[in-house]
Amino acid sequence: MRSLFLAALLIISNANALDFGSVVQTLTPAAQSAAPALDASLTSNPLIKNLTSTLGITPTQAVGGTAAIINNAKNNMKPADFTALTKQVPQAGTLLGAAPAGLLGMGTLGSQFSFLGMDASMISKFTPLVLQYLQSGATPAMDKILAAAMAK
């Protein structure tokens, strides 16, 4: 009688077992909706549109990669030069500020791109497009400063 009771208990408990796969599927949309959505002005930005279509990446990767490259250039510029750049090209500061949480605190550009799900080889594809975009709104003197900062 005791073994019959245990067998029945096992059958009932297996029928009510938790399906972790469905729990993950249920939680994933909630987690995704909690992630901050990109501002419409960022996804419609000509540079972000160019990067996504040319390189076949997501808008989040485009914004994050751009922010990483701009941050790297900022670190290689005098503070006054970066301030002048953001006055000449206001989107530079906007794109930098839109970096995914934790991205800019990582050490190298390579690790930042890896964090975004991209290979470090993408840096050489991003840099000329970001430079071209920033130079389109900057003065010739700023163009030189920016090119030198991005070359480091």
Protein backbone atom coordinates (compact mmCIF):
# COMPACT_ATOMS: atom_id res chain seq x y z
CA MET A 1 0.00 0.00 0.00
CA ARG A 2 2.83 2.33 0.88
CA SER A 3 4.56 1.82 -2.50
CA LEU A 4 1.27 2.43 -4.31
CA PHE A 5 0.92 5.74 -2.48
CA LEU A 6 4.51 6.74 -3.39
CA ALA A 7 3.95 5.80 -7.04
CA ALA A 8 0.78 7.89 -7.17
CA LEU A 9 2.59 10.80 -5.53
CA LEU A 10 5.41 10.63 -8.08
CA ILE A 11 2.97 10.58 -10.99
CA ILE A 12 1.08 13.57 -9.62
CA SER A 13 4.25 15.56 -8.89
CA ASN A 14 5.63 14.90 -12.40
CA ALA A 15 2.38 16.10 -13.92
CA ASN A 16 2.74 19.38 -12.07
CA ALA A 17 6.46 19.80 -12.73
CA LEU A 18 7.61 23.27 -13.64
CA ASP A 19 8.48 23.78 -17.30
CA PHE A 20 11.46 26.13 -17.17
CA GLY A 21 11.41 26.61 -20.94
CA SER A 22 7.99 28.22 -20.81
CA VAL A 23 9.03 30.32 -17.82
CA VAL A 24 12.01 31.67 -19.78
CA GLN A 25 9.80 32.38 -22.80
CA THR A 26 7.35 34.20 -20.57
CA LEU A 27 10.04 36.29 -18.87
CA THR A 28 12.05 37.13 -21.99
CA PRO A 29 9.50 39.59 -23.46
CA ALA A 30 9.22 41.27 -20.06
CA ALA A 31 12.98 41.61 -19.82
CA GLN A 32 13.15 42.95 -23.35
CA SER A 33 10.44 45.50 -22.68
CA ALA A 34 12.33 46.65 -19.58
CA ALA A 35 15.39 47.43 -21.71
CA PRO A 36 15.37 51.06 -22.80
CA ALA A 37 14.20 51.50 -26.36
CA LEU A 38 16.28 53.62 -28.66
CA ASP A 39 14.99 57.11 -29.17
CA ALA A 40 13.36 57.61 -32.59
CA SER A 41 15.80 60.42 -33.36
CA LEU A 42 18.66 57.93 -32.96
CA THR A 43 17.18 55.23 -35.19
CA SER A 44 16.42 57.83 -37.85
CA ASN A 45 19.89 59.40 -37.59
CA PRO A 46 21.61 59.19 -41.01
CA LEU A 47 24.76 57.63 -39.51
CA ILE A 48 22.82 54.93 -37.65
CA LYS A 49 20.74 54.17 -40.75
CA ASN A 50 23.94 53.96 -42.84
CA LEU A 51 25.66 51.65 -40.35
CA THR A 52 22.68 49.30 -40.04
CA SER A 53 22.16 49.02 -43.78
CA THR A 54 25.83 48.90 -44.78
CA LEU A 55 27.08 46.58 -42.04
CA GLY A 56 23.93 44.53 -41.43
CA ILE A 57 23.80 45.26 -37.70
CA THR A 58 21.03 46.25 -35.31
CA PRO A 59 20.33 49.88 -34.39
CA THR A 60 21.46 49.12 -30.82
CA GLN A 61 24.79 47.80 -32.14
CA ALA A 62 25.12 50.84 -34.41
CA VAL A 63 24.47 53.29 -31.58
CA GLY A 64 26.69 51.39 -29.14
CA GLY A 65 29.57 51.04 -31.61
CA THR A 66 29.32 54.71 -32.54
CA ALA A 67 29.29 55.71 -28.87
CA ALA A 68 32.35 53.55 -28.22
CA ILE A 69 34.26 55.15 -31.10
CA ILE A 70 33.23 58.68 -30.11
CA ASN A 71 34.22 57.95 -26.50
CA ASN A 72 37.60 56.67 -27.66
CA ALA A 73 38.12 59.85 -29.70
CA LYS A 74 37.00 61.95 -26.71
CA ASN A 75 39.61 60.24 -24.53
CA ASN A 76 42.27 61.20 -27.11
CA MET A 77 41.20 64.85 -27.34
CA LYS A 78 41.61 67.85 -25.10
CA PRO A 79 38.37 68.49 -23.19
CA ALA A 80 37.98 71.88 -24.89
CA ASP A 81 38.28 70.24 -28.31
CA PHE A 82 35.59 67.69 -27.49
CA THR A 83 33.32 70.46 -26.20
CA ALA A 84 33.87 72.33 -29.48
CA LEU A 85 33.05 69.16 -31.43
CA THR A 86 29.75 68.66 -29.58
CA LYS A 87 28.83 72.28 -30.33
CA GLN A 88 29.60 71.80 -34.02
CA VAL A 89 28.02 68.33 -34.22
CA PRO A 90 25.42 68.10 -31.42
CA GLN A 91 24.55 64.51 -32.36
CA ALA A 92 28.05 63.47 -31.21
CA GLY A 93 27.08 64.10 -27.59
CA THR A 94 23.65 62.56 -28.10
CA LEU A 95 25.11 59.38 -29.57
CA LEU A 96 27.71 59.17 -26.81
CA GLY A 97 25.00 59.57 -24.19
CA ALA A 98 22.92 56.78 -25.75
CA ALA A 99 25.54 54.08 -25.12
CA PRO A 100 24.11 50.93 -23.53
CA ALA A 101 24.64 50.77 -19.77
CA GLY A 102 28.10 49.55 -18.81
CA LEU A 103 29.54 49.78 -22.32
CA LEU A 104 31.84 52.75 -21.94
CA GLY A 105 33.29 51.45 -18.69
CA MET A 106 34.86 48.50 -20.47
CA GLY A 107 38.57 48.73 -21.28
CA THR A 108 39.19 48.53 -25.00
CA LEU A 109 37.20 49.19 -28.14
CA GLY A 110 37.50 45.48 -28.88
CA SER A 111 35.87 44.52 -25.59
CA GLN A 112 33.18 47.14 -26.11
CA PHE A 113 32.35 45.76 -29.55
CA SER A 114 32.36 42.24 -28.13
CA PHE A 115 29.90 43.38 -25.45
CA LEU A 116 27.64 44.53 -28.30
CA GLY A 117 27.89 41.13 -29.99
CA MET A 118 30.28 42.25 -32.72
CA ASP A 119 33.76 41.15 -33.65
CA ALA A 120 36.63 43.60 -33.13
CA SER A 121 37.15 43.63 -36.91
CA MET A 122 33.99 45.76 -37.10
CA ILE A 123 35.89 48.69 -35.58
CA SER A 124 37.72 49.28 -38.87
CA LYS A 125 34.38 49.28 -40.69
CA PHE A 126 32.73 51.68 -38.24
CA THR A 127 35.51 54.22 -37.84
CA PRO A 128 35.56 55.72 -41.36
CA LEU A 129 31.77 56.01 -41.41
CA VAL A 130 31.66 57.68 -37.98
CA LEU A 131 34.55 59.98 -38.91
CA GLN A 132 32.89 60.97 -42.19
CA TYR A 133 29.62 61.72 -40.40
CA LEU A 134 31.26 63.84 -37.69
CA GLN A 135 33.46 65.68 -40.18
CA SER A 136 30.43 66.61 -42.28
CA GLY A 137 29.33 69.03 -39.56
CA ALA A 138 32.70 70.10 -38.21
CA THR A 139 35.06 72.87 -39.23
CA PRO A 140 38.24 72.00 -41.17
CA ALA A 141 40.33 72.58 -38.03
CA MET A 142 38.10 70.21 -36.05
CA ASP A 143 38.32 67.66 -38.89
CA LYS A 144 42.07 67.42 -38.31
CA ILE A 145 41.74 67.15 -34.53
CA LEU A 146 39.06 64.50 -34.88
CA ALA A 147 41.01 62.47 -37.44
CA ALA A 148 44.09 62.53 -35.20
CA ALA A 149 42.06 61.49 -32.14
CA MET A 150 40.46 58.60 -34.01
CA ALA A 151 43.78 57.41 -35.39
CA LYS A 152 45.19 56.80 -31.89
